Amino acid sequence: MKIAYSGTHGTGKTTSAFEKCLDVKMKQGDITVTIVNEIARRCPFPINKDVTSTTQLWLVNKQINEEITASSLFDVVICDRTVMDCLAYTSLVSKDLFRRLLPMVEYHASSYDLIIVKTIEENDYMIDDGLRSLDIEFRKQVENALMSIYIDDLKLNNVVWN
């Protein structure tokens, strides 16, 4: 089983992922559970407003690879971010790369059993961590791109808005 949290940065995905992991482990102690942590912190390329097509290509592929690996080793995988989140940031930097990655993201999206999308309005966890952009307009752009991906491009039926 794979449960994923989605949303722009600063919406509490990491907090929710850890809470969910603990909840699953406490209720079903006989199964193995892991978290696929946010990978942007390990990205060797610029992120936030300085993001490039190379950054986004690396992030999309790294996210998919980490999820595939975790799914092969654990009964339950909790994702702190989705590949759709990576695609939302991609849409802001390159429409061409977005168009090229969309089929791969759409294919991978079927691996999520449940996607919980966290919105800025309901979940403003943004703190200055020295890494993520605090620019509210940038965060809203990412959120709008993400909503468009879920509603217009993928039309998934396993998405819960939170």
Protein backbone atom coordinates (compact mmCIF):
# COMPACT_ATOMS: atom_id res chain seq x y z
CA MET A 1 0.00 0.00 0.00
CA LYS A 2 1.23 3.50 -0.81
CA ILE A 3 -0.20 6.65 0.77
CA ALA A 4 1.10 10.01 -0.41
CA TYR A 5 0.86 13.58 0.77
CA SER A 6 0.82 16.25 -1.89
CA GLY A 7 0.87 20.04 -1.91
CA THR A 8 3.11 23.04 -2.28
CA HIS A 9 5.93 23.50 0.19
CA GLY A 10 4.96 24.49 3.72
CA THR A 11 1.60 22.73 3.93
CA GLY A 12 2.48 20.13 6.55
CA LYS A 13 3.15 17.13 4.33
CA THR A 14 6.15 15.98 6.36
CA THR A 15 4.30 16.34 9.66
CA SER A 16 1.32 14.43 8.27
CA ALA A 17 3.52 11.70 6.79
CA PHE A 18 5.24 11.04 10.12
CA GLU A 19 1.92 11.08 11.98
CA LYS A 20 0.44 8.62 9.46
CA CYS A 21 3.47 6.34 9.69
CA LEU A 22 3.17 6.22 13.48
CA ASP A 23 -0.59 5.64 13.26
CA VAL A 24 -0.20 2.74 10.80
CA LYS A 25 2.59 1.16 12.85
CA MET A 26 0.62 1.47 16.11
CA LYS A 27 -2.52 -0.07 14.59
CA GLN A 28 -0.78 -2.76 12.52
CA GLY A 29 2.50 -3.51 14.29
CA ASP A 30 3.14 -6.66 12.29
CA ILE A 31 3.70 -4.82 9.00
CA THR A 32 6.69 -2.87 7.76
CA VAL A 33 6.25 0.86 7.15
CA THR A 34 8.58 3.51 5.74
CA ILE A 35 8.53 7.13 4.66
CA VAL A 36 9.89 8.43 1.38
CA ASN A 37 11.17 11.79 2.59
CA GLU A 38 11.21 15.00 0.60
CA ILE A 39 14.08 14.72 -1.85
CA ALA A 40 14.44 18.41 -2.79
CA ARG A 41 16.67 18.90 0.25
CA ARG A 42 19.18 16.50 -1.31
CA CYS A 43 18.97 17.94 -4.81
CA PRO A 44 22.36 18.99 -6.21
CA PHE A 45 20.68 21.58 -8.45
CA PRO A 46 18.94 24.91 -7.69
CA ILE A 47 15.41 24.73 -6.27
CA ASN A 48 12.62 27.22 -5.50
CA LYS A 49 12.46 30.14 -7.93
CA ASP A 50 15.91 29.25 -9.31
CA VAL A 51 14.74 25.82 -10.42
CA THR A 52 15.86 24.60 -13.85
CA SER A 53 14.70 21.90 -16.22
CA THR A 54 17.66 19.80 -15.07
CA THR A 55 16.53 20.19 -11.46
CA GLN A 56 13.03 19.05 -12.30
CA LEU A 57 14.16 16.11 -14.40
CA TRP A 58 16.38 14.97 -11.52
CA LEU A 59 13.57 15.41 -8.96
CA VAL A 60 10.92 13.55 -10.96
CA ASN A 61 13.23 10.61 -11.62
CA LYS A 62 14.60 10.51 -8.06
CA GLN A 63 11.07 10.59 -6.60
CA ILE A 64 9.94 7.70 -8.78
CA ASN A 65 13.09 5.68 -8.07
CA GLU A 66 12.83 6.14 -4.31
CA GLU A 67 9.15 5.17 -4.30
CA ILE A 68 9.77 2.05 -6.40
CA THR A 69 12.62 0.99 -4.12
CA ALA A 70 10.60 1.58 -0.93
CA SER A 71 7.59 -0.28 -2.35
CA SER A 72 9.75 -3.32 -3.02
CA LEU A 73 11.04 -3.42 0.57
CA PHE A 74 8.08 -2.39 2.77
CA ASP A 75 4.42 -3.33 3.16
CA VAL A 76 3.29 0.30 3.52
CA VAL A 77 5.00 3.32 1.99
CA ILE A 78 4.11 6.83 3.13
CA CYS A 79 5.31 9.53 0.71
CA ASP A 80 6.09 13.01 1.97
CA ARG A 81 5.58 14.30 -1.58
CA THR A 82 4.34 12.91 -4.89
CA VAL A 83 5.71 12.87 -8.38
CA MET A 84 2.79 15.17 -9.26
CA ASP A 85 4.25 17.78 -6.92
CA CYS A 86 7.50 17.62 -8.87
CA LEU A 87 5.52 18.05 -12.08
CA ALA A 88 3.74 21.14 -10.69
CA TYR A 89 7.08 22.85 -10.11
CA THR A 90 8.16 21.71 -13.59
CA SER A 91 5.17 23.46 -15.16
CA LEU A 92 6.49 26.77 -13.84
CA VAL A 93 9.88 26.40 -15.50
CA SER A 94 9.24 24.55 -18.77
CA LYS A 95 5.96 23.77 -20.50
CA ASP A 96 7.86 21.54 -22.93
CA LEU A 97 9.40 19.43 -20.16
CA PHE A 98 6.03 19.33 -18.39
CA ARG A 99 4.39 17.97 -21.56
CA ARG A 100 7.13 15.35 -21.98
CA LEU A 101 7.03 14.18 -18.35
CA LEU A 102 3.23 14.09 -18.02
CA PRO A 103 2.80 10.57 -19.50
CA MET A 104 5.43 9.12 -17.15
CA VAL A 105 3.86 10.90 -14.17
CA GLU A 106 0.40 9.73 -15.21
CA TYR A 107 1.66 6.15 -15.39
CA HIS A 108 3.36 6.39 -11.99
CA ALA A 109 0.30 8.06 -10.40
CA SER A 110 -1.51 4.73 -10.58
CA SER A 111 0.89 3.36 -7.93
CA TYR A 112 -0.65 5.55 -5.21
CA ASP A 113 -3.49 3.96 -3.27
CA LEU A 114 -4.40 7.25 -1.63
CA ILE A 115 -3.27 10.84 -2.26
CA ILE A 116 -3.99 13.50 0.34
CA VAL A 117 -3.57 16.98 -1.09
CA LYS A 118 -2.79 19.62 1.53
CA THR A 119 -3.72 23.20 0.60
CA ILE A 120 -2.21 26.46 1.83
CA GLU A 121 -5.57 27.71 3.08
CA GLU A 122 -6.13 24.69 5.34
CA ASN A 123 -2.49 23.94 6.24
CA ASP A 124 -0.14 26.88 6.51
CA TYR A 125 2.92 25.31 8.09
CA MET A 126 5.40 27.59 6.32
CA ILE A 127 8.43 28.40 8.44
CA ASP A 128 11.75 29.89 7.49
CA ASP A 129 13.95 26.81 7.29
CA GLY A 130 16.62 28.51 5.21
CA LEU A 131 15.82 26.39 2.18
CA ARG A 132 12.27 26.85 0.94
CA SER A 133 10.94 30.05 -0.59
CA LEU A 134 8.68 32.04 1.73
CA ASP A 135 7.13 33.90 -1.21
CA ILE A 136 3.36 33.33 -0.88
CA GLU A 137 2.74 34.11 -4.56
CA PHE A 138 5.26 31.45 -5.60
CA ARG A 139 3.60 28.95 -3.25
CA LYS A 140 0.19 29.82 -4.72
CA GLN A 141 1.53 29.36 -8.27
CA VAL A 142 2.74 25.88 -7.35
CA GLU A 143 -0.57 25.05 -5.65
CA ASN A 144 -2.56 26.24 -8.67
CA ALA A 145 -0.36 24.18 -11.01
CA LEU A 146 -0.84 21.15 -8.79
CA MET A 147 -4.63 21.57 -8.72
CA SER A 148 -4.62 21.81 -12.51
CA ILE A 149 -2.64 18.58 -12.76
CA TYR A 150 -5.09 16.71 -10.52
CA ILE A 151 -8.27 18.21 -11.96
CA ASP A 152 -7.46 18.82 -15.64
CA ASP A 153 -4.63 16.45 -16.55
CA LEU A 154 -4.87 13.29 -14.45
CA LYS A 155 -8.47 13.15 -13.20
CA LEU A 156 -7.56 10.66 -10.45
CA ASN A 157 -10.28 9.19 -8.24
CA ASN A 158 -8.07 8.41 -5.22
CA VAL A 159 -7.42 12.05 -4.22
CA VAL A 160 -8.65 13.61 -0.98
CA TRP A 161 -8.40 17.39 -0.57
CA ASN A 162 -7.36 18.47 2.93
